[in-house]
Amino acid sequence: MAGVWVFKNGVLRLVENPGGDSSQGASRGKVLVHLPTNEAITSYETLEQLLSSIGWERYYDDPNLLQFHKPSTTHLISLPKDFNTLKPMHMYDIVVKTRNVFEVRNS
C-alpha cells in the first residue's frame, strides 16, 4: 500500500495518490477480490450476493448510497451508488469489516 496516511476528524485513512486526480475511481489500478473464489468483484450485484452469504443485509436508509449492515455488529458499509466511482478507500472499508473474505489487489 503506497500513499500517505492522513488523520482528520478522528479518522485515519490512506490517501493513495496525494495531489493526484481523485476522479479516477476504481480504474486507479485496484480491484476488490473475493478470497474464497479468487474472483474480482466487477459489479454491485456480485458484491451484494457475496456479502449476503456472510450475513450482511442491505440497508435502505440513504437513497444516495448503497449500504450494508451486519445485524450482529455496529458495522455499516457505505458505497457510492455508481460502481464506477468505487474508490480504494471504499474497498479497504469492505476488507476491514469482512476480514479473511475480501482483499484489495493491484489490477
PDB file of N, CA and C in Angstrom:
ATOM      1  N   MET A   1       0.832  -1.175   0.000  1.00  0.00           N
ATOM      2  CA  MET A   1       0.000   0.000   0.000  1.00  0.00           C
ATOM      3  C   MET A   1       0.877   1.239   0.000  1.00  0.00           C
ATOM      4  N   ALA A   2       0.948   1.890  -1.101  1.00  0.00           N
ATOM      5  CA  ALA A   2       1.701   3.124  -1.190  1.00  0.00           C
ATOM      6  C   ALA A   2       0.755   4.291  -0.981  1.00  0.00           C
ATOM      7  N   GLY A   3       1.250   5.332  -0.399  1.00  0.00           N
ATOM      8  CA  GLY A   3       0.437   6.504  -0.179  1.00  0.00           C
ATOM      9  C   GLY A   3       0.809   7.170   1.125  1.00  0.00           C
ATOM     10  N   VAL A   4      -0.094   8.019   1.582  1.00  0.00           N
ATOM     11  CA  VAL A   4       0.122   8.775   2.797  1.00  0.00           C
ATOM     12  C   VAL A   4      -1.062   8.542   3.721  1.00  0.00           C
ATOM     13  N   TRP A   5      -0.773   8.225   4.986  1.00  0.00           N
ATOM     14  CA  TRP A   5      -1.833   8.078   5.979  1.00  0.00           C
ATOM     15  C   TRP A   5      -2.195   9.457   6.492  1.00  0.00           C
ATOM     16  N   VAL A   6      -3.492   9.789   6.490  1.00  0.00           N
ATOM     17  CA  VAL A   6      -3.977  11.093   6.923  1.00  0.00           C
ATOM     18  C   VAL A   6      -4.939  10.897   8.084  1.00  0.00           C
ATOM     19  N   PHE A   7      -4.727  11.638   9.166  1.00  0.00           N
ATOM     20  CA  PHE A   7      -5.610  11.602  10.323  1.00  0.00           C
ATOM     21  C   PHE A   7      -6.388  12.905  10.335  1.00  0.00           C
ATOM     22  N   LYS A   8      -7.731  12.822  10.175  1.00  0.00           N
ATOM     23  CA  LYS A   8      -8.549  14.024  10.123  1.00  0.00           C
ATOM     24  C   LYS A   8      -9.878  13.746  10.811  1.00  0.00           C
ATOM     25  N   ASN A   9     -10.282  14.612  11.709  1.00  0.00           N
ATOM     26  CA  ASN A   9     -11.552  14.485  12.436  1.00  0.00           C
ATOM     27  C   ASN A   9     -11.711  13.129  13.100  1.00  0.00           C
ATOM     28  N   GLY A  10     -10.638  12.605  13.667  1.00  0.00           N
ATOM     29  CA  GLY A  10     -10.695  11.342  14.379  1.00  0.00           C
ATOM     30  C   GLY A  10     -10.695  10.102  13.500  1.00  0.00           C
ATOM     31  N   VAL A  11     -10.469  10.267  12.200  1.00  0.00           N
ATOM     32  CA  VAL A  11     -10.478   9.139  11.275  1.00  0.00           C
ATOM     33  C   VAL A  11      -9.124   9.045  10.577  1.00  0.00           C
ATOM     34  N   LEU A  12      -8.564   7.844  10.562  1.00  0.00           N
ATOM     35  CA  LEU A  12      -7.306   7.591   9.876  1.00  0.00           C
ATOM     36  C   LEU A  12      -7.619   6.942   8.538  1.00  0.00           C
ATOM     37  N   ARG A  13      -7.105   7.504   7.445  1.00  0.00           N
ATOM     38  CA  ARG A  13      -7.346   6.918   6.134  1.00  0.00           C
ATOM     39  C   ARG A  13      -6.098   7.017   5.274  1.00  0.00           C
ATOM     40  N   LEU A  14      -6.030   6.133   4.286  1.00  0.00           N
ATOM     41  CA  LEU A  14      -4.895   6.098   3.380  1.00  0.00           C
ATOM     42  C   LEU A  14      -5.227   6.896   2.133  1.00  0.00           C
ATOM     43  N   VAL A  15      -4.414   7.903   1.840  1.00  0.00           N
ATOM     44  CA  VAL A  15      -4.555   8.671   0.611  1.00  0.00           C
ATOM     45  C   VAL A  15      -3.549   8.081  -0.358  1.00  0.00           C
ATOM     46  N   GLU A  16      -4.055   7.399  -1.386  1.00  0.00           N
ATOM     47  CA  GLU A  16      -3.198   6.632  -2.287  1.00  0.00           C
ATOM     48  C   GLU A  16      -2.360   7.497  -3.223  1.00  0.00           C
ATOM     49  N   ASN A  17      -2.944   8.588  -3.689  1.00  0.00           N
ATOM     50  CA  ASN A  17      -2.243   9.420  -4.655  1.00  0.00           C
ATOM     51  C   ASN A  17      -2.389  10.875  -4.222  1.00  0.00           C
ATOM     52  N   PRO A  18      -1.670  11.304  -3.178  1.00  0.00           N
ATOM     53  CA  PRO A  18      -1.840  12.670  -2.695  1.00  0.00           C
ATOM     54  C   PRO A  18      -1.555  13.674  -3.796  1.00  0.00           C
ATOM     55  N   GLY A  19      -2.502  14.576  -3.994  1.00  0.00           N
ATOM     56  CA  GLY A  19      -2.336  15.602  -5.017  1.00  0.00           C
ATOM     57  C   GLY A  19      -2.727  15.148  -6.406  1.00  0.00           C
ATOM     58  N   GLY A  20      -3.051  13.866  -6.555  1.00  0.00           N
ATOM     59  CA  GLY A  20      -3.433  13.343  -7.863  1.00  0.00           C
ATOM     60  C   GLY A  20      -4.909  13.538  -8.129  1.00  0.00           C
ATOM     61  N   ASP A  21      -5.357  13.110  -9.295  1.00  0.00           N
ATOM     62  CA  ASP A  21      -6.740  13.224  -9.692  1.00  0.00           C
ATOM     63  C   ASP A  21      -7.577  12.200  -8.932  1.00  0.00           C
ATOM     64  N   SER A  22      -8.510  12.667  -8.112  1.00  0.00           N
ATOM     65  CA  SER A  22      -9.330  11.750  -7.313  1.00  0.00           C
ATOM     66  C   SER A  22     -10.577  11.303  -8.054  1.00  0.00           C
ATOM     67  N   SER A  23     -10.772  11.718  -9.292  1.00  0.00           N
ATOM     68  CA  SER A  23     -11.976  11.346 -10.031  1.00  0.00           C
ATOM     69  C   SER A  23     -11.800  10.066 -10.831  1.00  0.00           C
ATOM     70  N   GLN A  24     -10.695   9.381 -10.673  1.00  0.00           N
ATOM     71  CA  GLN A  24     -10.439   8.200 -11.471  1.00  0.00           C
ATOM     72  C   GLN A  24     -11.198   6.975 -10.980  1.00  0.00           C
ATOM     73  N   GLY A  25     -11.689   6.979  -9.752  1.00  0.00           N
ATOM     74  CA  GLY A  25     -12.481   5.878  -9.230  1.00  0.00           C
ATOM     75  C   GLY A  25     -11.730   4.571  -9.200  1.00  0.00           C
ATOM     76  N   ALA A  26     -12.450   3.472  -9.431  1.00  0.00           N
ATOM     77  CA  ALA A  26     -11.870   2.134  -9.319  1.00  0.00           C
ATOM     78  C   ALA A  26     -10.850   1.843 -10.409  1.00  0.00           C
ATOM     79  N   SER A  27     -10.804   2.652 -11.447  1.00  0.00           N
ATOM     80  CA  SER A  27      -9.854   2.410 -12.535  1.00  0.00           C
ATOM     81  C   SER A  27      -8.428   2.776 -12.129  1.00  0.00           C
ATOM     82  N   ARG A  28      -8.235   3.187 -10.904  1.00  0.00           N
ATOM     83  CA  ARG A  28      -6.937   3.622 -10.418  1.00  0.00           C
ATOM     84  C   ARG A  28      -5.919   2.494 -10.354  1.00  0.00           C
ATOM     85  N   GLY A  29      -6.346   1.270 -10.556  1.00  0.00           N
ATOM     86  CA  GLY A  29      -5.406   0.175 -10.522  1.00  0.00           C
ATOM     87  C   GLY A  29      -5.619  -0.757  -9.353  1.00  0.00           C
ATOM     88  N   LYS A  30      -6.700  -0.624  -8.626  1.00  0.00           N
ATOM     89  CA  LYS A  30      -7.022  -1.505  -7.512  1.00  0.00           C
ATOM     90  C   LYS A  30      -8.274  -2.303  -7.858  1.00  0.00           C
ATOM     91  N   VAL A  31      -8.332  -3.502  -7.314  1.00  0.00           N
ATOM     92  CA  VAL A  31      -9.502  -4.343  -7.532  1.00  0.00           C
ATOM     93  C   VAL A  31      -9.821  -5.066  -6.226  1.00  0.00           C
ATOM     94  N   LEU A  32     -11.115  -5.213  -5.943  1.00  0.00           N
ATOM     95  CA  LEU A  32     -11.572  -5.941  -4.769  1.00  0.00           C
ATOM     96  C   LEU A  32     -11.733  -7.402  -5.172  1.00  0.00           C
ATOM     97  N   VAL A  33     -11.116  -8.291  -4.394  1.00  0.00           N
ATOM     98  CA  VAL A  33     -11.121  -9.719  -4.726  1.00  0.00           C
ATOM     99  C   VAL A  33     -11.764 -10.515  -3.591  1.00  0.00           C
ATOM    100  N   HIS A  34     -12.666 -11.424  -3.966  1.00  0.00           N
ATOM    101  CA  HIS A  34     -13.278 -12.351  -3.009  1.00  0.00           C
ATOM    102  C   HIS A  34     -12.298 -13.508  -2.843  1.00  0.00           C
ATOM    103  N   LEU A  35     -11.720 -13.645  -1.664  1.00  0.00           N
ATOM    104  CA  LEU A  35     -10.642 -14.610  -1.438  1.00  0.00           C
ATOM    105  C   LEU A  35     -11.048 -16.080  -1.614  1.00  0.00           C
ATOM    106  N   PRO A  36     -12.194 -16.530  -1.085  1.00  0.00           N
ATOM    107  CA  PRO A  36     -12.523 -17.953  -1.238  1.00  0.00           C
ATOM    108  C   PRO A  36     -12.626 -18.417  -2.697  1.00  0.00           C
ATOM    109  N   THR A  37     -13.047 -17.513  -3.598  1.00  0.00           N
ATOM    110  CA  THR A  37     -13.185 -17.889  -5.008  1.00  0.00           C
ATOM    111  C   THR A  37     -12.108 -17.263  -5.893  1.00  0.00           C
ATOM    112  N   ASN A  38     -11.319 -16.351  -5.321  1.00  0.00           N
ATOM    113  CA  ASN A  38     -10.301 -15.609  -6.068  1.00  0.00           C
ATOM    114  C   ASN A  38     -10.917 -14.825  -7.234  1.00  0.00           C
ATOM    115  N   GLU A  39     -12.161 -14.369  -7.035  1.00  0.00           N
ATOM    116  CA  GLU A  39     -12.915 -13.660  -8.067  1.00  0.00           C
ATOM    117  C   GLU A  39     -12.838 -12.153  -7.844  1.00  0.00           C
ATOM    118  N   ALA A  40     -12.536 -11.403  -8.896  1.00  0.00           N
ATOM    119  CA  ALA A  40     -12.553  -9.950  -8.828  1.00  0.00           C
ATOM    120  C   ALA A  40     -14.006  -9.482  -8.849  1.00  0.00           C
ATOM    121  N   ILE A  41     -14.334  -8.546  -7.993  1.00  0.00           N
ATOM    122  CA  ILE A  41     -15.690  -8.022  -7.923  1.00  0.00           C
ATOM    123  C   ILE A  41     -15.841  -6.955  -9.003  1.00  0.00           C
ATOM    124  N   THR A  42     -16.770  -7.188  -9.915  1.00  0.00           N
ATOM    125  CA  THR A  42     -16.953  -6.282 -11.048  1.00  0.00           C
ATOM    126  C   THR A  42     -18.307  -5.587 -11.065  1.00  0.00           C
ATOM    127  N   SER A  43     -19.153  -5.888 -10.071  1.00  0.00           N
ATOM    128  CA  SER A  43     -20.465  -5.238 -10.008  1.00  0.00           C
ATOM    129  C   SER A  43     -21.000  -5.274  -8.586  1.00  0.00           C
ATOM    130  N   TYR A  44     -21.937  -4.384  -8.312  1.00  0.00           N
ATOM    131  CA  TYR A  44     -22.574  -4.386  -7.008  1.00  0.00           C
ATOM    132  C   TYR A  44     -23.466  -5.610  -6.826  1.00  0.00           C
ATOM    133  N   GLU A  45     -24.013  -6.144  -7.902  1.00  0.00           N
ATOM    134  CA  GLU A  45     -24.850  -7.339  -7.794  1.00  0.00           C
ATOM    135  C   GLU A  45     -24.028  -8.500  -7.218  1.00  0.00           C
ATOM    136  N   THR A  46     -22.831  -8.683  -7.741  1.00  0.00           N
ATOM    137  CA  THR A  46     -21.951  -9.740  -7.245  1.00  0.00           C
ATOM    138  C   THR A  46     -21.558  -9.477  -5.798  1.00  0.00           C
ATOM    139  N   LEU A  47     -21.185  -8.247  -5.495  1.00  0.00           N
ATOM    140  CA  LEU A  47     -20.790  -7.891  -4.136  1.00  0.00           C
ATOM    141  C   LEU A  47     -21.934  -8.124  -3.161  1.00  0.00           C
ATOM    142  N   GLU A  48     -23.148  -7.724  -3.538  1.00  0.00           N
ATOM    143  CA  GLU A  48     -24.298  -7.898  -2.651  1.00  0.00           C
ATOM    144  C   GLU A  48     -24.569  -9.375  -2.379  1.00  0.00           C
ATOM    145  N   GLN A  49     -24.454 -10.226  -3.384  1.00  0.00           N
ATOM    146  CA  GLN A  49     -24.655 -11.663  -3.192  1.00  0.00           C
ATOM    147  C   GLN A  49     -23.627 -12.231  -2.214  1.00  0.00           C
ATOM    148  N   LEU A  50     -22.366 -11.826  -2.378  1.00  0.00           N
ATOM    149  CA  LEU A  50     -21.306 -12.344  -1.506  1.00  0.00           C
ATOM    150  C   LEU A  50     -21.451 -11.834  -0.075  1.00  0.00           C
ATOM    151  N   LEU A  51     -21.794 -10.556   0.085  1.00  0.00           N
ATOM    152  CA  LEU A  51     -21.992 -10.014   1.423  1.00  0.00           C
ATOM    153  C   LEU A  51     -23.202 -10.667   2.097  1.00  0.00           C
ATOM    154  N   SER A  52     -24.266 -10.894   1.347  1.00  0.00           N
ATOM    155  CA  SER A  52     -25.457 -11.558   1.900  1.00  0.00           C
ATOM    156  C   SER A  52     -25.139 -12.961   2.382  1.00  0.00           C
ATOM    157  N   SER A  53     -24.268 -13.641   1.657  1.00  0.00           N
ATOM    158  CA  SER A  53     -23.923 -15.016   2.029  1.00  0.00           C
ATOM    159  C   SER A  53     -23.154 -15.101   3.344  1.00  0.00           C
ATOM    160  N   ILE A  54     -22.567 -13.986   3.794  1.00  0.00           N
ATOM    161  CA  ILE A  54     -21.846 -13.997   5.073  1.00  0.00           C
ATOM    162  C   ILE A  54     -22.563 -13.154   6.138  1.00  0.00           C
ATOM    163  N   GLY A  55     -23.860 -12.906   5.921  1.00  0.00           N
ATOM    164  CA  GLY A  55     -24.675 -12.295   6.968  1.00  0.00           C
ATOM    165  C   GLY A  55     -24.926 -10.801   6.882  1.00  0.00           C
ATOM    166  N   TRP A  56     -24.472 -10.154   5.843  1.00  0.00           N
ATOM    167  CA  TRP A  56     -24.714  -8.722   5.689  1.00  0.00           C
ATOM    168  C   TRP A  56     -26.071  -8.508   5.040  1.00  0.00           C
ATOM    169  N   GLU A  57     -26.764  -7.441   5.461  1.00  0.00           N
ATOM    170  CA  GLU A  57     -28.077  -7.106   4.912  1.00  0.00           C
ATOM    171  C   GLU A  57     -28.033  -5.735   4.275  1.00  0.00           C
ATOM    172  N   ARG A  58     -28.819  -5.574   3.232  1.00  0.00           N
ATOM    173  CA  ARG A  58     -28.924  -4.268   2.564  1.00  0.00           C
ATOM    174  C   ARG A  58     -29.638  -3.305   3.494  1.00  0.00           C
ATOM    175  N   TYR A  59     -29.161  -2.095   3.562  1.00  0.00           N
ATOM    176  CA  TYR A  59     -29.692  -1.054   4.432  1.00  0.00           C
ATOM    177  C   TYR A  59     -30.165   0.070   3.532  1.00  0.00           C
ATOM    178  N   TYR A  60     -31.435   0.449   3.612  1.00  0.00           N
ATOM    179  CA  TYR A  60     -32.023   1.396   2.662  1.00  0.00           C
ATOM    180  C   TYR A  60     -32.261   2.779   3.248  1.00  0.00           C
ATOM    181  N   ASP A  61     -31.434   3.211   4.175  1.00  0.00           N
ATOM    182  CA  ASP A  61     -31.645   4.485   4.849  1.00  0.00           C
ATOM    183  C   ASP A  61     -31.344   5.697   3.974  1.00  0.00           C
ATOM    184  N   ASP A  62     -30.343   5.615   3.118  1.00  0.00           N
ATOM    185  CA  ASP A  62     -29.913   6.755   2.297  1.00  0.00           C
ATOM    186  C   ASP A  62     -30.036   6.400   0.818  1.00  0.00           C
ATOM    187  N   PRO A  63     -30.903   7.097   0.074  1.00  0.00           N
ATOM    188  CA  PRO A  63     -31.090   6.764  -1.350  1.00  0.00           C
ATOM    189  C   PRO A  63     -29.885   7.094  -2.227  1.00  0.00           C
ATOM    190  N   ASN A  64     -28.950   7.871  -1.713  1.00  0.00           N
ATOM    191  CA  ASN A  64     -27.770   8.257  -2.494  1.00  0.00           C
ATOM    192  C   ASN A  64     -26.595   7.297  -2.313  1.00  0.00           C
ATOM    193  N   LEU A  65     -26.756   6.312  -1.430  1.00  0.00           N
ATOM    194  CA  LEU A  65     -25.677   5.368  -1.146  1.00  0.00           C
ATOM    195  C   LEU A  65     -26.193   3.938  -1.217  1.00  0.00           C
ATOM    196  N   LEU A  66     -25.276   3.037  -1.460  1.00  0.00           N
ATOM    197  CA  LEU A  66     -25.549   1.613  -1.334  1.00  0.00           C
ATOM    198  C   LEU A  66     -24.936   1.210   0.003  1.00  0.00           C
ATOM    199  N   GLN A  67     -25.777   0.735   0.940  1.00  0.00           N
ATOM    200  CA  GLN A  67     -25.282   0.452   2.283  1.00  0.00           C
ATOM    201  C   GLN A  67     -25.613  -0.971   2.704  1.00  0.00           C
ATOM    202  N   PHE A  68     -24.703  -1.538   3.491  1.00  0.00           N
ATOM    203  CA  PHE A  68     -24.876  -2.885   4.026  1.00  0.00           C
ATOM    204  C   PHE A  68     -24.603  -2.841   5.523  1.00  0.00           C
ATOM    205  N   HIS A  69     -25.394  -3.607   6.272  1.00  0.00           N
ATOM    206  CA  HIS A  69     -25.267  -3.655   7.724  1.00  0.00           C
ATOM    207  C   HIS A  69     -25.251  -5.112   8.165  1.00  0.00           C
ATOM    208  N   LYS A  70     -24.390  -5.405   9.113  1.00  0.00           N
ATOM    209  CA  LYS A  70     -24.361  -6.756   9.695  1.00  0.00           C
ATOM    210  C   LYS A  70     -25.064  -6.662  11.042  1.00  0.00           C
ATOM    211  N   PRO A  71     -26.239  -7.295  11.178  1.00  0.00           N
ATOM    212  CA  PRO A  71     -27.049  -7.139  12.393  1.00  0.00           C
ATOM    213  C   PRO A  71     -26.327  -7.448  13.697  1.00  0.00           C
ATOM    214  N   SER A  72     -25.389  -8.369  13.700  1.00  0.00           N
ATOM    215  CA  SER A  72     -24.709  -8.741  14.941  1.00  0.00           C
ATOM    216  C   SER A  72     -23.595  -7.758  15.327  1.00  0.00           C
ATOM    217  N   THR A  73     -23.398  -6.708  14.531  1.00  0.00           N
ATOM    218  CA  THR A  73     -22.338  -5.728  14.796  1.00  0.00           C
ATOM    219  C   THR A  73     -22.873  -4.312  14.630  1.00  0.00           C
ATOM    220  N   THR A  74     -22.001  -3.355  14.855  1.00  0.00           N
ATOM    221  CA  THR A  74     -22.350  -1.958  14.597  1.00  0.00           C
ATOM    222  C   THR A  74     -21.794  -1.495  13.255  1.00  0.00           C
ATOM    223  N   HIS A  75     -21.232  -2.410  12.479  1.00  0.00           N
ATOM    224  CA  HIS A  75     -20.590  -2.057  11.214  1.00  0.00           C
ATOM    225  C   HIS A  75     -21.606  -1.681  10.139  1.00  0.00           C
ATOM    226  N   LEU A  76     -21.253  -0.668   9.382  1.00  0.00           N
ATOM    227  CA  LEU A  76     -22.044  -0.231   8.235  1.00  0.00           C
ATOM    228  C   LEU A  76     -21.078   0.030   7.091  1.00  0.00           C
ATOM    229  N   ILE A  77     -21.327  -0.584   5.948  1.00  0.00           N
ATOM    230  CA  ILE A  77     -20.519  -0.336   4.752  1.00  0.00           C
ATOM    231  C   ILE A  77     -21.325   0.605   3.866  1.00  0.00           C
ATOM    232  N   SER A  78     -20.776   1.767   3.551  1.00  0.00           N
ATOM    233  CA  SER A  78     -21.435   2.749   2.699  1.00  0.00           C
ATOM    234  C   SER A  78     -20.631   2.931   1.425  1.00  0.00           C
ATOM    235  N   LEU A  79     -21.305   2.755   0.302  1.00  0.00           N
ATOM    236  CA  LEU A  79     -20.647   2.827  -1.003  1.00  0.00           C
ATOM    237  C   LEU A  79     -21.383   3.799  -1.910  1.00  0.00           C
ATOM    238  N   PRO A  80     -20.686   4.405  -2.875  1.00  0.00           N
ATOM    239  CA  PRO A  80     -21.368   5.288  -3.822  1.00  0.00           C
ATOM    240  C   PRO A  80     -22.349   4.476  -4.673  1.00  0.00           C
ATOM    241  N   LYS A  81     -23.447   5.109  -5.107  1.00  0.00           N
ATOM    242  CA  LYS A  81     -24.467   4.420  -5.908  1.00  0.00           C
ATOM    243  C   LYS A  81     -23.904   3.821  -7.197  1.00  0.00           C
ATOM    244  N   ASP A  82     -22.962   4.519  -7.813  1.00  0.00           N
ATOM    245  CA  ASP A  82     -22.386   4.090  -9.094  1.00  0.00           C
ATOM    246  C   ASP A  82     -21.112   3.275  -8.847  1.00  0.00           C
ATOM    247  N   PHE A  83     -21.109   2.021  -9.290  1.00  0.00           N
ATOM    248  CA  PHE A  83     -19.958   1.142  -9.087  1.00  0.00           C
ATOM    249  C   PHE A  83     -18.683   1.731  -9.702  1.00  0.00           C
ATOM    250  N   ASN A  84     -18.823   2.473 -10.794  1.00  0.00           N
ATOM    251  CA  ASN A  84     -17.651   3.046 -11.466  1.00  0.00           C
ATOM    252  C   ASN A  84     -16.961   4.127 -10.643  1.00  0.00           C
ATOM    253  N   THR A  85     -17.607   4.622  -9.603  1.00  0.00           N
ATOM    254  CA  THR A  85     -16.979   5.629  -8.742  1.00  0.00           C
ATOM    255  C   THR A  85     -16.457   5.022  -7.441  1.00  0.00           C
ATOM    256  N   LEU A  86     -16.470   3.695  -7.348  1.00  0.00           N
ATOM    257  CA  LEU A  86     -15.921   2.998  -6.189  1.00  0.00           C
ATOM    258  C   LEU A  86     -14.418   3.257  -6.112  1.00  0.00           C
ATOM    259  N   LYS A  87     -13.964   3.732  -4.969  1.00  0.00           N
ATOM    260  CA  LYS A  87     -12.555   4.079  -4.788  1.00  0.00           C
ATOM    261  C   LYS A  87     -11.874   3.077  -3.866  1.00  0.00           C
ATOM    262  N   PRO A  88     -10.552   3.045  -3.890  1.00  0.00           N
ATOM    263  CA  PRO A  88      -9.827   2.137  -2.996  1.00  0.00           C
ATOM    264  C   PRO A  88     -10.206   2.295  -1.524  1.00  0.00           C
ATOM    265  N   MET A  89     -10.521   3.501  -1.078  1.00  0.00           N
ATOM    266  CA  MET A  89     -10.895   3.677   0.329  1.00  0.00           C
ATOM    267  C   MET A  89     -12.174   2.903   0.645  1.00  0.00           C
ATOM    268  N   HIS A  90     -13.107   2.807  -0.319  1.00  0.00           N
ATOM    269  CA  HIS A  90     -14.316   2.008  -0.112  1.00  0.00           C
ATOM    270  C   HIS A  90     -13.966   0.522  -0.064  1.00  0.00           C
ATOM    271  N   MET A  91     -13.064   0.109  -0.934  1.00  0.00           N
ATOM    272  CA  MET A  91     -12.642  -1.291  -0.971  1.00  0.00           C
ATOM    273  C   MET A  91     -11.981  -1.697   0.342  1.00  0.00           C
ATOM    274  N   TYR A  92     -11.109  -0.824   0.861  1.00  0.00           N
ATOM    275  CA  TYR A  92     -10.429  -1.128   2.123  1.00  0.00           C
ATOM    276  C   TYR A  92     -11.423  -1.157   3.284  1.00  0.00           C
ATOM    277  N   ASP A  93     -12.470  -0.348   3.211  1.00  0.00           N
ATOM    278  CA  ASP A  93     -13.512  -0.380   4.239  1.00  0.00           C
ATOM    279  C   ASP A  93     -14.187  -1.753   4.262  1.00  0.00           C
ATOM    280  N   ILE A  94     -14.462  -2.299   3.094  1.00  0.00           N
ATOM    281  CA  ILE A  94     -15.054  -3.634   2.995  1.00  0.00           C
ATOM    282  C   ILE A  94     -14.099  -4.672   3.569  1.00  0.00           C
ATOM    283  N   VAL A  95     -12.831  -4.571   3.219  1.00  0.00           N
ATOM    284  CA  VAL A  95     -11.824  -5.533   3.695  1.00  0.00           C
ATOM    285  C   VAL A  95     -11.730  -5.518   5.220  1.00  0.00           C
ATOM    286  N   VAL A  96     -11.689  -4.337   5.814  1.00  0.00           N
ATOM    287  CA  VAL A  96     -11.559  -4.223   7.266  1.00  0.00           C
ATOM    288  C   VAL A  96     -12.765  -4.838   7.981  1.00  0.00           C
ATOM    289  N   LYS A  97     -13.951  -4.678   7.391  1.00  0.00           N
ATOM    290  CA  LYS A  97     -15.170  -5.154   8.052  1.00  0.00           C
ATOM    291  C   LYS A  97     -15.534  -6.597   7.707  1.00  0.00           C
ATOM    292  N   THR A  98     -14.796  -7.202   6.792  1.00  0.00           N
ATOM    293  CA  THR A  98     -15.051  -8.602   6.414  1.00  0.00           C
ATOM    294  C   THR A  98     -13.728  -9.350   6.357  1.00  0.00           C
ATOM    295  N   ARG A  99     -13.032  -9.377   7.436  1.00  0.00           N
ATOM    296  CA  ARG A  99     -11.703  -9.996   7.494  1.00  0.00           C
ATOM    297  C   ARG A  99     -11.692 -11.397   6.895  1.00  0.00           C
ATOM    298  N   ASN A 100     -10.630 -11.704   6.163  1.00  0.00           N
ATOM    299  CA  ASN A 100     -10.402 -13.014   5.545  1.00  0.00           C
ATOM    300  C   ASN A 100     -11.414 -13.385   4.465  1.00  0.00           C
ATOM    301  N   VAL A 101     -12.193 -12.420   3.987  1.00  0.00           N
ATOM    302  CA  VAL A 101     -13.160 -12.700   2.935  1.00  0.00           C
ATOM    303  C   VAL A 101     -12.823 -11.927   1.663  1.00  0.00           C
ATOM    304  N   PHE A 102     -12.389 -10.684   1.822  1.00  0.00           N
ATOM    305  CA  PHE A 102     -12.044  -9.843   0.679  1.00  0.00           C
ATOM    306  C   PHE A 102     -10.625  -9.314   0.837  1.00  0.00           C
ATOM    307  N   GLU A 103     -10.053  -8.911  -0.297  1.00  0.00           N
ATOM    308  CA  GLU A 103      -8.709  -8.333  -0.316  1.00  0.00           C
ATOM    309  C   GLU A 103      -8.651  -7.337  -1.458  1.00  0.00           C
ATOM    310  N   VAL A 104      -7.876  -6.287  -1.281  1.00  0.00           N
ATOM    311  CA  VAL A 104      -7.645  -5.301  -2.350  1.00  0.00           C
ATOM    312  C   VAL A 104      -6.306  -5.632  -2.988  1.00  0.00           C
ATOM    313  N   ARG A 105      -6.331  -5.764  -4.299  1.00  0.00           N
ATOM    314  CA  ARG A 105      -5.097  -6.057  -5.040  1.00  0.00           C
ATOM    315  C   ARG A 105      -4.895  -5.028  -6.148  1.00  0.00           C
ATOM    316  N   ASN A 106      -3.652  -4.945  -6.596  1.00  0.00           N
ATOM    317  CA  ASN A 106      -3.353  -4.135  -7.777  1.00  0.00           C
ATOM    318  C   ASN A 106      -3.879  -4.888  -8.986  1.00  0.00           C
ATOM    319  N   SER A 107      -4.482  -4.149  -9.899  1.00  0.00           N
ATOM    320  CA  SER A 107      -5.011  -4.831 -11.099  1.00  0.00           C
ATOM    321  C   SER A 107      -3.957  -4.992 -12.173  1.00  0.00           C
TER     322      SER A 107
END
